[in-house]
Amino acid sequence: MPADKYKELLDCIAKKGKVAVAFSGGVDSSFLCYAAYQALGKNSIAVTIVSPMLSKSELCDAKKVAEQIGIEHIAIEEKTIDEKVAENPRDRCYFCKKIEFGKIIQVAKERGISAVLDGTNIDDESDYRPGLKALLELGVFSPLREVKLSKAEIRELSHMANIPVWDKPAFACLASRVPYGQKITEELLFKIEAGEEILRSFGFKLFRLRAHESIARIEVAKSERSKFFDEQILDEISKKIKELGFTFVAMELEGYEMGSLN
């Protein structure tokens, strides 16, 4: 039962004494911040890496959630993209996590905190996630996975705790919109973020804008595809996204699928 797992989660976190939570503003890390604060109060902090790969909407959500929970929120500015990450190899996430969690660990040490937590859940084991290897090497602890909490259970518990992002769709970092091997630049990430804000402004909830060089490929949830059956909406979205610098705008007919570029 989710309630039993939650109790086990609190005990698991409390045993760490002091913790720093890697906080992106998504469902999992928001719930983990809540649990950490319930278990340890001011002996817990939330740390967000503010890089070109984190969308402004995610950062905004992180700030709001941290304020509601009451947990101390620390933002670490990362203004550039590491060269190896920018090359975008298939194991890009490994190098990215190694860098970002290295910085979180450093901040934690400065606060006298030895335990760094991340929001990996039990469902994440079924997807291609090279970043998990980096977390293992760095000694990062994943308590949600430890107590075998699934995404659905985390959403249920988050709803009960009135965490505002409980029903928020999953949004990975902006770099996940770029096919492996295609160089990642700040300019490209800006175009992707702006394109996704356009989709959000039209009322779409679950979406991705995949950038294939000069082509913007739109994915929306299967249940939302019918919204495109309107010539005016098609024309307006295409025009706005082309204004960002894309030559062509295409739609994935089968709809959004998590990790479709893996």
C-alpha atoms as a PDB file:
ATOM      1  CA  MET A   1       0.000   0.000   0.000  1.00  0.00           C
ATOM      2  CA  PRO A   2       1.240   3.554  -0.793  1.00  0.00           C
ATOM      3  CA  ALA A   3       0.676   4.674   2.819  1.00  0.00           C
ATOM      4  CA  ASP A   4       2.927   1.903   4.135  1.00  0.00           C
ATOM      5  CA  LYS A   5       5.592   2.742   1.586  1.00  0.00           C
ATOM      6  CA  TYR A   6       5.375   6.412   2.593  1.00  0.00           C
ATOM      7  CA  LYS A   7       5.990   5.544   6.235  1.00  0.00           C
ATOM      8  CA  GLU A   8       8.949   3.421   5.166  1.00  0.00           C
ATOM      9  CA  LEU A   9      10.185   6.355   3.060  1.00  0.00           C
ATOM     10  CA  LEU A  10      10.104   8.750   6.019  1.00  0.00           C
ATOM     11  CA  ASP A  11      12.025   6.277   8.164  1.00  0.00           C
ATOM     12  CA  CYS A  12      14.542   5.753   5.375  1.00  0.00           C
ATOM     13  CA  ILE A  13      15.169   9.505   5.017  1.00  0.00           C
ATOM     14  CA  ALA A  14      15.203  10.174   8.765  1.00  0.00           C
ATOM     15  CA  LYS A  15      18.071   7.707   9.208  1.00  0.00           C
ATOM     16  CA  LYS A  16      20.262   9.960   7.052  1.00  0.00           C
ATOM     17  CA  GLY A  17      20.156  12.762   9.652  1.00  0.00           C
ATOM     18  CA  LYS A  18      20.685  15.575   7.149  1.00  0.00           C
ATOM     19  CA  VAL A  19      19.881  15.484   3.424  1.00  0.00           C
ATOM     20  CA  ALA A  20      20.160  17.526   0.248  1.00  0.00           C
ATOM     21  CA  VAL A  21      17.529  16.751  -2.388  1.00  0.00           C
ATOM     22  CA  ALA A  22      18.300  17.213  -6.091  1.00  0.00           C
ATOM     23  CA  PHE A  23      15.235  19.233  -7.066  1.00  0.00           C
ATOM     24  CA  SER A  24      14.019  19.792 -10.637  1.00  0.00           C
ATOM     25  CA  GLY A  25      10.452  20.871  -9.916  1.00  0.00           C
ATOM     26  CA  GLY A  26       8.968  17.662 -11.323  1.00  0.00           C
ATOM     27  CA  VAL A  27       6.548  15.305  -9.578  1.00  0.00           C
ATOM     28  CA  ASP A  28       9.119  12.916  -8.141  1.00  0.00           C
ATOM     29  CA  SER A  29      11.625  15.415  -6.766  1.00  0.00           C
ATOM     30  CA  SER A  30       8.800  17.630  -5.434  1.00  0.00           C
ATOM     31  CA  PHE A  31       7.348  14.690  -3.497  1.00  0.00           C
ATOM     32  CA  LEU A  32      10.804  13.742  -2.260  1.00  0.00           C
ATOM     33  CA  CYS A  33      11.367  17.307  -1.005  1.00  0.00           C
ATOM     34  CA  TYR A  34       8.049  17.124   0.818  1.00  0.00           C
ATOM     35  CA  ALA A  35       8.941  13.789   2.407  1.00  0.00           C
ATOM     36  CA  ALA A  36      12.430  15.003   3.344  1.00  0.00           C
ATOM     37  CA  TYR A  37      11.011  18.075   5.054  1.00  0.00           C
ATOM     38  CA  GLN A  38       8.393  15.975   6.872  1.00  0.00           C
ATOM     39  CA  ALA A  39      11.122  13.598   8.059  1.00  0.00           C
ATOM     40  CA  LEU A  40      13.892  16.065   8.906  1.00  0.00           C
ATOM     41  CA  GLY A  41      12.542  19.617   8.838  1.00  0.00           C
ATOM     42  CA  LYS A  42      15.346  22.168   8.642  1.00  0.00           C
ATOM     43  CA  ASN A  43      17.902  19.377   8.358  1.00  0.00           C
ATOM     44  CA  SER A  44      16.822  19.048   4.729  1.00  0.00           C
ATOM     45  CA  ILE A  45      17.541  21.333   1.774  1.00  0.00           C
ATOM     46  CA  ALA A  46      16.510  21.323  -1.890  1.00  0.00           C
ATOM     47  CA  VAL A  47      19.108  22.089  -4.561  1.00  0.00           C
ATOM     48  CA  THR A  48      18.303  23.023  -8.171  1.00  0.00           C
ATOM     49  CA  ILE A  49      20.870  23.257 -10.966  1.00  0.00           C
ATOM     50  CA  VAL A  50      19.799  26.208 -13.124  1.00  0.00           C
ATOM     51  CA  SER A  51      21.330  25.426 -16.494  1.00  0.00           C
ATOM     52  CA  PRO A  52      20.370  26.145 -20.133  1.00  0.00           C
ATOM     53  CA  MET A  53      18.809  22.657 -20.148  1.00  0.00           C
ATOM     54  CA  LEU A  54      16.265  23.506 -17.415  1.00  0.00           C
ATOM     55  CA  SER A  55      13.205  25.282 -18.755  1.00  0.00           C
ATOM     56  CA  LYS A  56      11.996  28.440 -17.041  1.00  0.00           C
ATOM     57  CA  SER A  57       8.631  26.810 -16.339  1.00  0.00           C
ATOM     58  CA  GLU A  58      10.343  23.980 -14.446  1.00  0.00           C
ATOM     59  CA  LEU A  59      12.350  26.459 -12.365  1.00  0.00           C
ATOM     60  CA  CYS A  60       9.190  28.432 -11.633  1.00  0.00           C
ATOM     61  CA  ASP A  61       7.442  25.265 -10.423  1.00  0.00           C
ATOM     62  CA  ALA A  62      10.440  24.368  -8.258  1.00  0.00           C
ATOM     63  CA  LYS A  63      10.377  27.757  -6.531  1.00  0.00           C
ATOM     64  CA  LYS A  64       6.636  27.563  -5.870  1.00  0.00           C
ATOM     65  CA  VAL A  65       6.756  24.025  -4.506  1.00  0.00           C
ATOM     66  CA  ALA A  66       9.745  24.708  -2.253  1.00  0.00           C
ATOM     67  CA  GLU A  67       8.017  27.788  -0.839  1.00  0.00           C
ATOM     68  CA  GLN A  68       4.821  25.853  -0.126  1.00  0.00           C
ATOM     69  CA  ILE A  69       6.680  22.980   1.523  1.00  0.00           C
ATOM     70  CA  GLY A  70       8.873  25.330   3.555  1.00  0.00           C
ATOM     71  CA  ILE A  71      12.131  23.646   2.612  1.00  0.00           C
ATOM     72  CA  GLU A  72      15.218  25.794   2.036  1.00  0.00           C
ATOM     73  CA  HIS A  73      15.801  26.061  -1.710  1.00  0.00           C
ATOM     74  CA  ILE A  74      19.255  26.655  -3.180  1.00  0.00           C
ATOM     75  CA  ALA A  75      19.728  27.427  -6.893  1.00  0.00           C
ATOM     76  CA  ILE A  76      23.121  26.808  -8.486  1.00  0.00           C
ATOM     77  CA  GLU A  77      23.724  28.779 -11.689  1.00  0.00           C
ATOM     78  CA  GLU A  78      25.321  26.805 -14.521  1.00  0.00           C
ATOM     79  CA  LYS A  79      25.592  29.246 -17.414  1.00  0.00           C
ATOM     80  CA  THR A  80      27.343  27.082 -20.013  1.00  0.00           C
ATOM     81  CA  ILE A  81      26.964  23.583 -21.421  1.00  0.00           C
ATOM     82  CA  ASP A  82      29.857  21.210 -20.804  1.00  0.00           C
ATOM     83  CA  GLU A  83      31.676  20.317 -24.020  1.00  0.00           C
ATOM     84  CA  LYS A  84      31.160  16.562 -23.651  1.00  0.00           C
ATOM     85  CA  VAL A  85      27.460  17.041 -22.931  1.00  0.00           C
ATOM     86  CA  ALA A  86      27.109  19.382 -25.919  1.00  0.00           C
ATOM     87  CA  GLU A  87      28.498  16.653 -28.201  1.00  0.00           C
ATOM     88  CA  ASN A  88      25.352  14.717 -27.265  1.00  0.00           C
ATOM     89  CA  PRO A  89      26.574  11.091 -27.226  1.00  0.00           C
ATOM     90  CA  ARG A  90      24.149   8.296 -26.343  1.00  0.00           C
ATOM     91  CA  ASP A  91      25.417   8.383 -22.764  1.00  0.00           C
ATOM     92  CA  ARG A  92      25.059  12.171 -22.519  1.00  0.00           C
ATOM     93  CA  CYS A  93      23.021  11.850 -19.317  1.00  0.00           C
ATOM     94  CA  TYR A  94      25.898  10.039 -17.634  1.00  0.00           C
ATOM     95  CA  PHE A  95      28.265  12.994 -18.150  1.00  0.00           C
ATOM     96  CA  CYS A  96      25.568  15.544 -17.329  1.00  0.00           C
ATOM     97  CA  LYS A  97      24.552  13.845 -14.068  1.00  0.00           C
ATOM     98  CA  LYS A  98      28.204  13.432 -13.106  1.00  0.00           C
ATOM     99  CA  ILE A  99      28.744  17.187 -13.415  1.00  0.00           C
ATOM    100  CA  GLU A 100      25.469  18.384 -11.893  1.00  0.00           C
ATOM    101  CA  PHE A 101      25.404  16.005  -8.946  1.00  0.00           C
ATOM    102  CA  GLY A 102      29.066  16.748  -8.316  1.00  0.00           C
ATOM    103  CA  LYS A 103      28.034  20.361  -7.734  1.00  0.00           C
ATOM    104  CA  ILE A 104      25.113  19.364  -5.514  1.00  0.00           C
ATOM    105  CA  ILE A 105      27.407  17.143  -3.452  1.00  0.00           C
ATOM    106  CA  GLN A 106      29.818  20.067  -3.034  1.00  0.00           C
ATOM    107  CA  VAL A 107      27.035  22.372  -1.786  1.00  0.00           C
ATOM    108  CA  ALA A 108      25.850  19.629   0.574  1.00  0.00           C
ATOM    109  CA  LYS A 109      29.350  19.174   2.016  1.00  0.00           C
ATOM    110  CA  GLU A 110      29.607  22.913   2.666  1.00  0.00           C
ATOM    111  CA  ARG A 111      26.426  22.547   4.763  1.00  0.00           C
ATOM    112  CA  GLY A 112      27.734  19.527   6.638  1.00  0.00           C
ATOM    113  CA  ILE A 113      25.436  17.180   4.719  1.00  0.00           C
ATOM    114  CA  SER A 114      26.741  13.838   3.520  1.00  0.00           C
ATOM    115  CA  ALA A 115      23.538  12.390   2.030  1.00  0.00           C
ATOM    116  CA  VAL A 116      22.348  13.569  -1.405  1.00  0.00           C
ATOM    117  CA  LEU A 117      18.979  12.228  -2.579  1.00  0.00           C
ATOM    118  CA  ASP A 118      17.424  12.056  -6.028  1.00  0.00           C
ATOM    119  CA  GLY A 119      13.883  11.308  -7.210  1.00  0.00           C
ATOM    120  CA  THR A 120      14.451   8.138  -9.219  1.00  0.00           C
ATOM    121  CA  ASN A 121      11.442   5.828  -8.732  1.00  0.00           C
ATOM    122  CA  ILE A 122      10.959   2.125  -9.360  1.00  0.00           C
ATOM    123  CA  ASP A 123       9.425   2.706 -12.819  1.00  0.00           C
ATOM    124  CA  ASP A 124      12.591   4.438 -14.045  1.00  0.00           C
ATOM    125  CA  GLU A 125      14.368   1.109 -14.174  1.00  0.00           C
ATOM    126  CA  SER A 126      12.352   0.205 -17.282  1.00  0.00           C
ATOM    127  CA  ASP A 127      13.698   3.102 -19.408  1.00  0.00           C
ATOM    128  CA  TYR A 128      17.145   3.809 -20.864  1.00  0.00           C
ATOM    129  CA  ARG A 129      18.803   5.976 -18.202  1.00  0.00           C
ATOM    130  CA  PRO A 130      22.600   6.137 -18.391  1.00  0.00           C
ATOM    131  CA  GLY A 131      22.510   8.844 -15.721  1.00  0.00           C
ATOM    132  CA  LEU A 132      21.709   6.206 -13.090  1.00  0.00           C
ATOM    133  CA  LYS A 133      25.257   4.880 -13.453  1.00  0.00           C
ATOM    134  CA  ALA A 134      26.647   8.317 -12.522  1.00  0.00           C
ATOM    135  CA  LEU A 135      24.409   8.477  -9.436  1.00  0.00           C
ATOM    136  CA  LEU A 136      25.640   5.068  -8.334  1.00  0.00           C
ATOM    137  CA  GLU A 137      29.281   6.093  -8.778  1.00  0.00           C
ATOM    138  CA  LEU A 138      28.737   9.299  -6.796  1.00  0.00           C
ATOM    139  CA  GLY A 139      26.924   7.560  -3.955  1.00  0.00           C
ATOM    140  CA  VAL A 140      23.629   9.390  -4.507  1.00  0.00           C
ATOM    141  CA  PHE A 141      20.720   7.731  -2.690  1.00  0.00           C
ATOM    142  CA  SER A 142      17.335   7.148  -4.398  1.00  0.00           C
ATOM    143  CA  PRO A 143      14.843   6.547  -1.560  1.00  0.00           C
ATOM    144  CA  LEU A 144      11.728   6.428  -3.781  1.00  0.00           C
ATOM    145  CA  ARG A 145      13.226   3.510  -5.664  1.00  0.00           C
ATOM    146  CA  GLU A 146      14.498   2.013  -2.415  1.00  0.00           C
ATOM    147  CA  VAL A 147      10.959   1.682  -1.026  1.00  0.00           C
ATOM    148  CA  LYS A 148       9.620   0.660  -4.472  1.00  0.00           C
ATOM    149  CA  LEU A 149       7.303   3.618  -5.024  1.00  0.00           C
ATOM    150  CA  SER A 150       5.879   3.811  -8.552  1.00  0.00           C
ATOM    151  CA  LYS A 151       5.005   6.988 -10.450  1.00  0.00           C
ATOM    152  CA  ALA A 152       1.285   6.359  -9.958  1.00  0.00           C
ATOM    153  CA  GLU A 153       1.744   5.917  -6.216  1.00  0.00           C
ATOM    154  CA  ILE A 154       3.865   9.070  -5.997  1.00  0.00           C
ATOM    155  CA  ARG A 155       1.136  11.038  -7.773  1.00  0.00           C
ATOM    156  CA  GLU A 156      -1.493   9.606  -5.411  1.00  0.00           C
ATOM    157  CA  LEU A 157       0.517  10.491  -2.307  1.00  0.00           C
ATOM    158  CA  SER A 158       1.377  13.931  -3.718  1.00  0.00           C
ATOM    159  CA  HIS A 159      -2.306  14.626  -4.335  1.00  0.00           C
ATOM    160  CA  MET A 160      -3.124  13.674  -0.755  1.00  0.00           C
ATOM    161  CA  ALA A 161      -0.376  16.038   0.451  1.00  0.00           C
ATOM    162  CA  ASN A 162      -1.707  18.887  -1.735  1.00  0.00           C
ATOM    163  CA  ILE A 163       1.565  19.211  -3.645  1.00  0.00           C
ATOM    164  CA  PRO A 164       0.538  21.415  -6.606  1.00  0.00           C
ATOM    165  CA  VAL A 165       2.457  19.488  -9.268  1.00  0.00           C
ATOM    166  CA  TRP A 166       0.947  16.096  -8.371  1.00  0.00           C
ATOM    167  CA  ASP A 167      -0.677  15.744 -11.824  1.00  0.00           C
ATOM    168  CA  LYS A 168       2.048  17.517 -13.790  1.00  0.00           C
ATOM    169  CA  PRO A 169       3.129  15.652 -16.949  1.00  0.00           C
ATOM    170  CA  ALA A 170       6.682  14.333 -16.998  1.00  0.00           C
ATOM    171  CA  PHE A 171       9.154  16.771 -18.555  1.00  0.00           C
ATOM    172  CA  ALA A 172      12.761  15.710 -18.938  1.00  0.00           C
ATOM    173  CA  CYS A 173      15.501  18.267 -19.545  1.00  0.00           C
ATOM    174  CA  LEU A 174      15.436  20.204 -22.815  1.00  0.00           C
ATOM    175  CA  ALA A 175      18.444  18.286 -24.150  1.00  0.00           C
ATOM    176  CA  SER A 176      16.247  15.182 -24.381  1.00  0.00           C
ATOM    177  CA  ARG A 177      14.525  16.826 -27.373  1.00  0.00           C
ATOM    178  CA  VAL A 178      17.704  16.619 -29.460  1.00  0.00           C
ATOM    179  CA  PRO A 179      18.625  13.358 -31.269  1.00  0.00           C
ATOM    180  CA  TYR A 180      21.893  11.778 -30.148  1.00  0.00           C
ATOM    181  CA  GLY A 181      24.826  12.979 -32.221  1.00  0.00           C
ATOM    182  CA  GLN A 182      23.287  16.361 -33.030  1.00  0.00           C
ATOM    183  CA  LYS A 183      25.162  19.146 -31.237  1.00  0.00           C
ATOM    184  CA  ILE A 184      23.389  20.844 -28.355  1.00  0.00           C
ATOM    185  CA  THR A 185      23.696  24.622 -28.221  1.00  0.00           C
ATOM    186  CA  GLU A 186      22.109  27.259 -26.018  1.00  0.00           C
ATOM    187  CA  GLU A 187      20.460  28.751 -29.110  1.00  0.00           C
ATOM    188  CA  LEU A 188      18.858  25.399 -29.998  1.00  0.00           C
ATOM    189  CA  LEU A 189      17.614  24.858 -26.436  1.00  0.00           C
ATOM    190  CA  PHE A 190      16.110  28.346 -26.466  1.00  0.00           C
ATOM    191  CA  LYS A 191      14.217  27.538 -29.684  1.00  0.00           C
ATOM    192  CA  ILE A 192      12.941  24.261 -28.247  1.00  0.00           C
ATOM    193  CA  GLU A 193      11.798  25.906 -25.018  1.00  0.00           C
ATOM    194  CA  ALA A 194      10.072  28.731 -26.901  1.00  0.00           C
ATOM    195  CA  GLY A 195       8.397  26.213 -29.220  1.00  0.00           C
ATOM    196  CA  GLU A 196       7.071  24.198 -26.294  1.00  0.00           C
ATOM    197  CA  GLU A 197       5.731  27.366 -24.686  1.00  0.00           C
ATOM    198  CA  ILE A 198       3.772  27.931 -27.892  1.00  0.00           C
ATOM    199  CA  LEU A 199       2.242  24.464 -27.584  1.00  0.00           C
ATOM    200  CA  ARG A 200       1.440  25.150 -23.920  1.00  0.00           C
ATOM    201  CA  SER A 201      -0.275  28.417 -24.887  1.00  0.00           C
ATOM    202  CA  PHE A 202      -2.629  26.446 -27.159  1.00  0.00           C
ATOM    203  CA  GLY A 203      -3.726  24.321 -24.220  1.00  0.00           C
ATOM    204  CA  PHE A 204      -1.668  21.180 -24.791  1.00  0.00           C
ATOM    205  CA  LYS A 205      -0.706  19.361 -21.578  1.00  0.00           C
ATOM    206  CA  LEU A 206       1.727  16.612 -22.573  1.00  0.00           C
ATOM    207  CA  PHE A 207       4.039  17.416 -25.450  1.00  0.00           C
ATOM    208  CA  ARG A 208       7.550  17.531 -26.826  1.00  0.00           C
ATOM    209  CA  LEU A 209       9.176  19.553 -29.563  1.00  0.00           C
ATOM    210  CA  ARG A 210      11.953  17.388 -31.006  1.00  0.00           C
ATOM    211  CA  ALA A 211      14.555  19.326 -33.001  1.00  0.00           C
ATOM    212  CA  HIS A 212      15.921  17.457 -36.017  1.00  0.00           C
ATOM    213  CA  GLU A 213      18.300  20.081 -37.421  1.00  0.00           C
ATOM    214  CA  SER A 214      15.946  22.514 -39.238  1.00  0.00           C
ATOM    215  CA  ILE A 215      12.834  20.390 -38.608  1.00  0.00           C
ATOM    216  CA  ALA A 216      10.649  20.821 -35.519  1.00  0.00           C
ATOM    217  CA  ARG A 217       8.794  17.552 -34.864  1.00  0.00           C
ATOM    218  CA  ILE A 218       5.840  17.908 -32.528  1.00  0.00           C
ATOM    219  CA  GLU A 219       4.657  15.108 -30.261  1.00  0.00           C
ATOM    220  CA  VAL A 220       1.512  15.478 -28.167  1.00  0.00           C
ATOM    221  CA  ALA A 221      -0.339  12.970 -26.005  1.00  0.00           C
ATOM    222  CA  LYS A 222      -2.420  10.532 -28.035  1.00  0.00           C
ATOM    223  CA  SER A 223      -5.560  11.904 -26.387  1.00  0.00           C
ATOM    224  CA  GLU A 224      -4.675  15.443 -27.494  1.00  0.00           C
ATOM    225  CA  ARG A 225      -3.988  14.769 -31.184  1.00  0.00           C
ATOM    226  CA  SER A 226      -7.538  15.652 -32.189  1.00  0.00           C
ATOM    227  CA  LYS A 227      -6.887  19.286 -31.197  1.00  0.00           C
ATOM    228  CA  PHE A 228      -4.801  19.573 -34.334  1.00  0.00           C
ATOM    229  CA  PHE A 229      -7.835  18.779 -36.520  1.00  0.00           C
ATOM    230  CA  ASP A 230      -8.361  22.485 -37.022  1.00  0.00           C
ATOM    231  CA  GLU A 231      -6.729  24.251 -39.969  1.00  0.00           C
ATOM    232  CA  GLN A 232      -6.417  27.555 -38.123  1.00  0.00           C
ATOM    233  CA  ILE A 233      -4.597  25.946 -35.191  1.00  0.00           C
ATOM    234  CA  LEU A 234      -2.287  24.059 -37.574  1.00  0.00           C
ATOM    235  CA  ASP A 235      -1.432  27.252 -39.451  1.00  0.00           C
ATOM    236  CA  GLU A 236      -0.925  29.367 -36.326  1.00  0.00           C
ATOM    237  CA  ILE A 237       1.324  26.840 -34.583  1.00  0.00           C
ATOM    238  CA  SER A 238       3.363  26.240 -37.732  1.00  0.00           C
ATOM    239  CA  LYS A 239       3.847  29.961 -38.332  1.00  0.00           C
ATOM    240  CA  LYS A 240       4.861  30.719 -34.746  1.00  0.00           C
ATOM    241  CA  ILE A 241       7.365  27.840 -34.572  1.00  0.00           C
ATOM    242  CA  LYS A 242       8.878  28.735 -37.949  1.00  0.00           C
ATOM    243  CA  GLU A 243       9.396  32.258 -36.643  1.00  0.00           C
ATOM    244  CA  LEU A 244      11.800  30.730 -34.111  1.00  0.00           C
ATOM    245  CA  GLY A 245      14.106  29.654 -36.947  1.00  0.00           C
ATOM    246  CA  PHE A 246      12.836  26.209 -37.944  1.00  0.00           C
ATOM    247  CA  THR A 247      12.367  25.628 -41.674  1.00  0.00           C
ATOM    248  CA  PHE A 248       9.767  22.867 -41.375  1.00  0.00           C
ATOM    249  CA  VAL A 249       7.236  21.872 -38.720  1.00  0.00           C
ATOM    250  CA  ALA A 250       6.071  18.256 -38.596  1.00  0.00           C
ATOM    251  CA  MET A 251       3.822  16.195 -36.325  1.00  0.00           C
ATOM    252  CA  GLU A 252       4.420  12.677 -35.031  1.00  0.00           C
ATOM    253  CA  LEU A 253       1.212  10.944 -36.113  1.00  0.00           C
ATOM    254  CA  GLU A 254       1.367   8.277 -33.382  1.00  0.00           C
ATOM    255  CA  GLY A 255       1.593  10.900 -30.648  1.00  0.00           C
ATOM    256  CA  TYR A 256       3.953  11.379 -27.713  1.00  0.00           C
ATOM    257  CA  GLU A 257       6.001   8.465 -26.476  1.00  0.00           C
ATOM    258  CA  MET A 258       8.430   8.776 -23.562  1.00  0.00           C
ATOM    259  CA  GLY A 259      12.048   8.267 -24.618  1.00  0.00           C
ATOM    260  CA  SER A 260      11.194   8.134 -28.332  1.00  0.00           C
ATOM    261  CA  LEU A 261      14.709   9.289 -29.199  1.00  0.00           C
ATOM    262  CA  ASN A 262      16.359   6.516 -27.157  1.00  0.00           C
END
